[in-house]
Amino acid sequence: MNTTITFDDFTKVDLHIGTILEVNDFPEARNPAYQLAIDFGDLGIKKSSAQITTLYKKEDLLNRQIVAVVNFPKKQIAKFMSECLVLGAVNGKDVILLNPESKVKNGTSVN
């Protein structure tokens, strides 16, 4: 277990639902990854680098809803600027994406 946080700490993490609009290979990444463009509704379209290539093909990711942290500072990864962090469960080298059970409006907050 990592460091214990307070509920106030948790409320600072801004989690939202988005739909993947675009998926591109990212050969410059240190570890195999895709470049994603994700629609978060009123929050706009944000880019992310995601190491999800072992379980997901590009075509399987299009129009898929995901959960992401949208209030991290931007992070430069090679020549790509990542604007959010897509969440997934890590199982060895595999990352299993977290997503809503039913389709919801893009930008919906996760509490």
N, C-alpha and C. Protein backbone atom coordinates (compact mmCIF):
# COMPACT_ATOMS: atom_id res chain seq x y z
N MET A 1 0.85 -1.18 0.00
CA MET A 1 0.00 0.00 0.00
C MET A 1 0.89 1.24 0.00
N ASN A 2 0.45 2.23 -0.75
CA ASN A 2 1.18 3.50 -0.82
C ASN A 2 0.79 4.39 0.34
N THR A 3 1.23 5.60 0.31
CA THR A 3 0.95 6.60 1.33
C THR A 3 -0.56 6.81 1.49
N THR A 4 -1.01 6.89 2.71
CA THR A 4 -2.41 7.19 2.99
C THR A 4 -2.69 8.65 2.65
N ILE A 5 -3.83 8.90 2.00
CA ILE A 5 -4.22 10.27 1.68
C ILE A 5 -5.54 10.57 2.38
N THR A 6 -5.85 11.84 2.44
CA THR A 6 -7.12 12.26 3.02
C THR A 6 -8.17 12.36 1.91
N PHE A 7 -9.43 12.47 2.32
CA PHE A 7 -10.49 12.66 1.34
C PHE A 7 -10.27 13.95 0.57
N ASP A 8 -9.78 14.98 1.25
CA ASP A 8 -9.49 16.26 0.57
C ASP A 8 -8.43 16.06 -0.52
N ASP A 9 -7.42 15.20 -0.25
CA ASP A 9 -6.42 14.89 -1.28
C ASP A 9 -7.10 14.25 -2.49
N PHE A 10 -7.99 13.30 -2.24
CA PHE A 10 -8.66 12.58 -3.32
C PHE A 10 -9.51 13.53 -4.16
N THR A 11 -10.17 14.47 -3.52
CA THR A 11 -11.05 15.38 -4.28
C THR A 11 -10.28 16.28 -5.24
N LYS A 12 -8.97 16.37 -5.07
CA LYS A 12 -8.15 17.17 -5.99
C LYS A 12 -7.93 16.46 -7.32
N VAL A 13 -8.12 15.14 -7.34
CA VAL A 13 -7.93 14.36 -8.58
C VAL A 13 -9.19 14.50 -9.40
N ASP A 14 -9.06 15.05 -10.61
CA ASP A 14 -10.21 15.34 -11.47
C ASP A 14 -10.34 14.23 -12.52
N LEU A 15 -11.24 13.27 -12.23
CA LEU A 15 -11.46 12.11 -13.10
C LEU A 15 -12.69 12.35 -13.97
N HIS A 16 -12.54 12.07 -15.27
CA HIS A 16 -13.65 12.25 -16.21
C HIS A 16 -13.69 11.12 -17.23
N ILE A 17 -14.87 10.95 -17.82
CA ILE A 17 -15.07 9.98 -18.90
C ILE A 17 -14.84 10.68 -20.23
N GLY A 18 -14.13 10.00 -21.11
CA GLY A 18 -13.91 10.52 -22.46
C GLY A 18 -14.00 9.40 -23.47
N THR A 19 -14.17 9.77 -24.73
CA THR A 19 -14.24 8.81 -25.83
C THR A 19 -13.02 8.98 -26.73
N ILE A 20 -12.35 7.89 -27.02
CA ILE A 20 -11.16 7.92 -27.88
C ILE A 20 -11.59 8.18 -29.32
N LEU A 21 -11.09 9.27 -29.89
CA LEU A 21 -11.42 9.66 -31.26
C LEU A 21 -10.35 9.25 -32.26
N GLU A 22 -9.11 9.18 -31.80
CA GLU A 22 -7.98 8.93 -32.71
C GLU A 22 -6.92 8.13 -31.98
N VAL A 23 -6.32 7.17 -32.70
CA VAL A 23 -5.25 6.34 -32.13
C VAL A 23 -4.12 6.27 -33.16
N ASN A 24 -2.92 6.60 -32.73
CA ASN A 24 -1.75 6.55 -33.62
C ASN A 24 -0.62 5.79 -32.94
N ASP A 25 0.19 5.13 -33.76
CA ASP A 25 1.40 4.50 -33.24
C ASP A 25 2.32 5.58 -32.67
N PHE A 26 3.16 5.19 -31.72
CA PHE A 26 4.08 6.14 -31.09
C PHE A 26 5.47 5.49 -31.03
N PRO A 27 6.13 5.39 -32.20
CA PRO A 27 7.42 4.68 -32.25
C PRO A 27 8.53 5.37 -31.45
N GLU A 28 8.39 6.66 -31.16
CA GLU A 28 9.43 7.38 -30.41
C GLU A 28 9.36 7.12 -28.91
N ALA A 29 8.28 6.53 -28.44
CA ALA A 29 8.12 6.28 -27.01
C ALA A 29 9.14 5.24 -26.54
N ARG A 30 9.60 5.39 -25.31
CA ARG A 30 10.57 4.46 -24.72
C ARG A 30 9.99 3.05 -24.61
N ASN A 31 8.73 2.95 -24.20
CA ASN A 31 8.01 1.68 -24.12
C ASN A 31 6.87 1.72 -25.13
N PRO A 32 6.47 0.56 -25.68
CA PRO A 32 5.40 0.56 -26.69
C PRO A 32 4.15 1.30 -26.19
N ALA A 33 3.67 2.23 -27.02
CA ALA A 33 2.54 3.06 -26.62
C ALA A 33 1.79 3.55 -27.85
N TYR A 34 0.59 4.05 -27.60
CA TYR A 34 -0.20 4.74 -28.62
C TYR A 34 -0.35 6.20 -28.22
N GLN A 35 -0.53 7.05 -29.23
CA GLN A 35 -0.94 8.43 -29.01
C GLN A 35 -2.45 8.47 -29.19
N LEU A 36 -3.16 9.01 -28.21
CA LEU A 36 -4.61 9.05 -28.25
C LEU A 36 -5.11 10.49 -28.27
N ALA A 37 -6.20 10.73 -28.98
CA ALA A 37 -6.96 11.98 -28.89
C ALA A 37 -8.30 11.59 -28.29
N ILE A 38 -8.67 12.24 -27.17
CA ILE A 38 -9.83 11.83 -26.39
C ILE A 38 -10.78 13.01 -26.23
N ASP A 39 -12.07 12.78 -26.52
CA ASP A 39 -13.10 13.80 -26.41
C ASP A 39 -13.69 13.77 -25.00
N PHE A 40 -13.50 14.87 -24.26
CA PHE A 40 -14.03 15.01 -22.91
C PHE A 40 -15.20 16.01 -22.88
N GLY A 41 -15.96 16.08 -23.94
CA GLY A 41 -17.13 16.95 -23.98
C GLY A 41 -16.76 18.41 -23.79
N ASP A 42 -17.39 19.06 -22.80
CA ASP A 42 -17.15 20.48 -22.54
C ASP A 42 -15.70 20.78 -22.16
N LEU A 43 -14.96 19.77 -21.71
CA LEU A 43 -13.54 19.97 -21.35
C LEU A 43 -12.64 19.98 -22.58
N GLY A 44 -13.18 19.60 -23.73
CA GLY A 44 -12.43 19.61 -24.98
C GLY A 44 -11.77 18.28 -25.29
N ILE A 45 -10.95 18.31 -26.32
CA ILE A 45 -10.21 17.13 -26.76
C ILE A 45 -8.81 17.22 -26.18
N LYS A 46 -8.40 16.16 -25.51
CA LYS A 46 -7.07 16.11 -24.89
C LYS A 46 -6.29 14.94 -25.47
N LYS A 47 -4.98 15.09 -25.48
CA LYS A 47 -4.09 14.05 -25.99
C LYS A 47 -3.46 13.28 -24.83
N SER A 48 -3.17 12.01 -25.09
CA SER A 48 -2.51 11.20 -24.07
C SER A 48 -1.65 10.14 -24.75
N SER A 49 -0.58 9.78 -24.09
CA SER A 49 0.24 8.64 -24.49
C SER A 49 -0.14 7.50 -23.55
N ALA A 50 -0.45 6.33 -24.12
CA ALA A 50 -0.89 5.22 -23.28
C ALA A 50 -0.18 3.94 -23.67
N GLN A 51 0.40 3.27 -22.68
CA GLN A 51 1.11 2.00 -22.90
C GLN A 51 0.12 0.85 -22.81
N ILE A 52 -0.72 0.75 -23.84
CA ILE A 52 -1.80 -0.24 -23.85
C ILE A 52 -1.75 -1.12 -25.10
N THR A 53 -0.56 -1.26 -25.67
CA THR A 53 -0.44 -1.95 -26.96
C THR A 53 -0.50 -3.47 -26.85
N THR A 54 -0.29 -4.04 -25.66
CA THR A 54 -0.27 -5.50 -25.56
C THR A 54 -1.66 -6.11 -25.65
N LEU A 55 -2.68 -5.41 -25.18
CA LEU A 55 -4.04 -5.96 -25.18
C LEU A 55 -4.98 -5.33 -26.20
N TYR A 56 -4.62 -4.14 -26.72
CA TYR A 56 -5.55 -3.39 -27.55
C TYR A 56 -4.96 -3.08 -28.92
N LYS A 57 -5.73 -3.34 -29.95
CA LYS A 57 -5.39 -2.91 -31.31
C LYS A 57 -5.97 -1.52 -31.51
N LYS A 58 -5.35 -0.76 -32.39
CA LYS A 58 -5.80 0.61 -32.62
C LYS A 58 -7.28 0.67 -32.97
N GLU A 59 -7.71 -0.21 -33.86
CA GLU A 59 -9.11 -0.17 -34.30
C GLU A 59 -10.09 -0.53 -33.18
N ASP A 60 -9.64 -1.29 -32.19
CA ASP A 60 -10.51 -1.66 -31.07
C ASP A 60 -10.68 -0.51 -30.07
N LEU A 61 -9.78 0.46 -30.13
CA LEU A 61 -9.83 1.58 -29.19
C LEU A 61 -10.72 2.73 -29.67
N LEU A 62 -10.91 2.84 -30.98
CA LEU A 62 -11.71 3.93 -31.52
C LEU A 62 -13.13 3.89 -30.96
N ASN A 63 -13.61 5.03 -30.52
CA ASN A 63 -14.95 5.21 -29.97
C ASN A 63 -15.17 4.50 -28.64
N ARG A 64 -14.11 4.05 -28.01
CA ARG A 64 -14.20 3.41 -26.70
C ARG A 64 -14.15 4.49 -25.62
N GLN A 65 -15.00 4.37 -24.61
CA GLN A 65 -14.95 5.31 -23.50
C GLN A 65 -13.95 4.83 -22.46
N ILE A 66 -13.27 5.80 -21.85
CA ILE A 66 -12.24 5.52 -20.85
C ILE A 66 -12.40 6.48 -19.68
N VAL A 67 -11.65 6.21 -18.61
CA VAL A 67 -11.56 7.10 -17.45
C VAL A 67 -10.16 7.70 -17.46
N ALA A 68 -10.08 9.01 -17.21
CA ALA A 68 -8.76 9.65 -17.21
C ALA A 68 -8.70 10.76 -16.16
N VAL A 69 -7.49 11.01 -15.69
CA VAL A 69 -7.20 12.17 -14.84
C VAL A 69 -6.92 13.32 -15.79
N VAL A 70 -7.68 14.41 -15.65
CA VAL A 70 -7.54 15.52 -16.60
C VAL A 70 -6.87 16.76 -16.01
N ASN A 71 -6.46 16.70 -14.73
CA ASN A 71 -5.87 17.90 -14.14
C ASN A 71 -4.40 17.74 -13.74
N PHE A 72 -3.70 16.79 -14.36
CA PHE A 72 -2.25 16.75 -14.21
C PHE A 72 -1.64 17.81 -15.12
N PRO A 73 -0.45 18.30 -14.79
CA PRO A 73 0.22 19.20 -15.73
C PRO A 73 0.60 18.43 -16.99
N LYS A 74 0.70 19.12 -18.11
CA LYS A 74 1.11 18.49 -19.36
C LYS A 74 2.48 17.86 -19.18
N LYS A 75 2.71 16.75 -19.90
CA LYS A 75 3.99 16.06 -19.79
C LYS A 75 4.53 15.77 -21.18
N GLN A 76 5.78 16.18 -21.41
CA GLN A 76 6.44 15.94 -22.69
C GLN A 76 6.95 14.51 -22.73
N ILE A 77 6.52 13.74 -23.73
CA ILE A 77 6.99 12.37 -23.93
C ILE A 77 7.50 12.31 -25.36
N ALA A 78 8.83 12.22 -25.50
CA ALA A 78 9.49 12.36 -26.81
C ALA A 78 9.03 13.70 -27.41
N LYS A 79 8.48 13.70 -28.62
CA LYS A 79 8.02 14.95 -29.24
C LYS A 79 6.51 15.14 -29.06
N PHE A 80 5.92 14.43 -28.13
CA PHE A 80 4.47 14.44 -27.93
C PHE A 80 4.14 15.03 -26.56
N MET A 81 3.11 15.89 -26.51
CA MET A 81 2.69 16.50 -25.25
C MET A 81 1.43 15.78 -24.75
N SER A 82 1.57 15.05 -23.65
CA SER A 82 0.45 14.33 -23.05
C SER A 82 -0.29 15.27 -22.11
N GLU A 83 -1.63 15.33 -22.24
CA GLU A 83 -2.43 16.28 -21.48
C GLU A 83 -3.32 15.64 -20.42
N CYS A 84 -3.38 14.32 -20.39
CA CYS A 84 -4.19 13.63 -19.40
C CYS A 84 -3.62 12.23 -19.19
N LEU A 85 -4.08 11.56 -18.14
CA LEU A 85 -3.60 10.22 -17.82
C LEU A 85 -4.77 9.23 -17.89
N VAL A 86 -4.71 8.34 -18.88
CA VAL A 86 -5.73 7.30 -19.03
C VAL A 86 -5.49 6.25 -17.94
N LEU A 87 -6.56 5.83 -17.27
CA LEU A 87 -6.42 4.90 -16.15
C LEU A 87 -6.67 3.46 -16.57
N GLY A 88 -5.88 2.57 -15.97
CA GLY A 88 -6.04 1.15 -16.22
C GLY A 88 -5.47 0.34 -15.07
N ALA A 89 -5.92 -0.89 -15.01
CA ALA A 89 -5.39 -1.83 -14.01
C ALA A 89 -4.16 -2.49 -14.61
N VAL A 90 -3.06 -2.50 -13.87
CA VAL A 90 -1.80 -3.07 -14.36
C VAL A 90 -1.71 -4.52 -13.92
N ASN A 91 -1.52 -5.39 -14.90
CA ASN A 91 -1.41 -6.83 -14.67
C ASN A 91 -0.14 -7.29 -15.39
N GLY A 92 0.99 -7.24 -14.70
CA GLY A 92 2.27 -7.55 -15.36
C GLY A 92 2.59 -6.45 -16.34
N LYS A 93 2.75 -6.81 -17.64
CA LYS A 93 3.02 -5.81 -18.68
C LYS A 93 1.74 -5.34 -19.35
N ASP A 94 0.62 -5.95 -18.99
CA ASP A 94 -0.67 -5.59 -19.58
C ASP A 94 -1.35 -4.50 -18.77
N VAL A 95 -2.01 -3.59 -19.47
CA VAL A 95 -2.83 -2.57 -18.83
C VAL A 95 -4.26 -2.76 -19.34
N ILE A 96 -5.18 -2.97 -18.41
CA ILE A 96 -6.59 -3.17 -18.74
C ILE A 96 -7.31 -1.86 -18.45
N LEU A 97 -7.84 -1.24 -19.50
CA LEU A 97 -8.46 0.07 -19.37
C LEU A 97 -9.67 0.05 -18.45
N LEU A 98 -9.81 1.13 -17.67
CA LEU A 98 -11.01 1.33 -16.86
C LEU A 98 -12.01 2.08 -17.72
N ASN A 99 -13.26 1.66 -17.66
CA ASN A 99 -14.29 2.32 -18.46
C ASN A 99 -15.65 2.15 -17.80
N PRO A 100 -16.60 3.05 -18.15
CA PRO A 100 -17.95 2.91 -17.58
C PRO A 100 -18.63 1.67 -18.14
N GLU A 101 -19.52 1.10 -17.34
CA GLU A 101 -20.25 -0.10 -17.74
C GLU A 101 -21.23 0.21 -18.87
N SER A 102 -21.80 1.41 -18.85
CA SER A 102 -22.72 1.86 -19.89
C SER A 102 -22.20 3.17 -20.46
N LYS A 103 -22.62 3.49 -21.69
CA LYS A 103 -22.19 4.73 -22.32
C LYS A 103 -22.74 5.93 -21.54
N VAL A 104 -21.88 6.90 -21.31
CA VAL A 104 -22.27 8.13 -20.62
C VAL A 104 -21.78 9.33 -21.43
N LYS A 105 -22.26 10.50 -21.09
CA LYS A 105 -21.87 11.72 -21.77
C LYS A 105 -20.38 11.99 -21.56
N ASN A 106 -19.68 12.34 -22.65
CA ASN A 106 -18.27 12.70 -22.53
C ASN A 106 -18.11 13.87 -21.59
N GLY A 107 -17.12 13.77 -20.72
CA GLY A 107 -16.86 14.80 -19.73
C GLY A 107 -17.49 14.51 -18.38
N THR A 108 -18.31 13.46 -18.31
CA THR A 108 -18.94 13.11 -17.04
C THR A 108 -17.87 12.92 -15.97
N SER A 109 -18.10 13.50 -14.81
CA SER A 109 -17.15 13.39 -13.69
C SER A 109 -17.27 12.03 -13.03
N VAL A 110 -16.15 11.50 -12.58
CA VAL A 110 -16.12 10.24 -11.85
C VAL A 110 -15.87 10.59 -10.39
N ASN A 111 -16.78 10.17 -9.53
CA ASN A 111 -16.67 10.49 -8.09
C ASN A 111 -16.43 9.23 -7.29
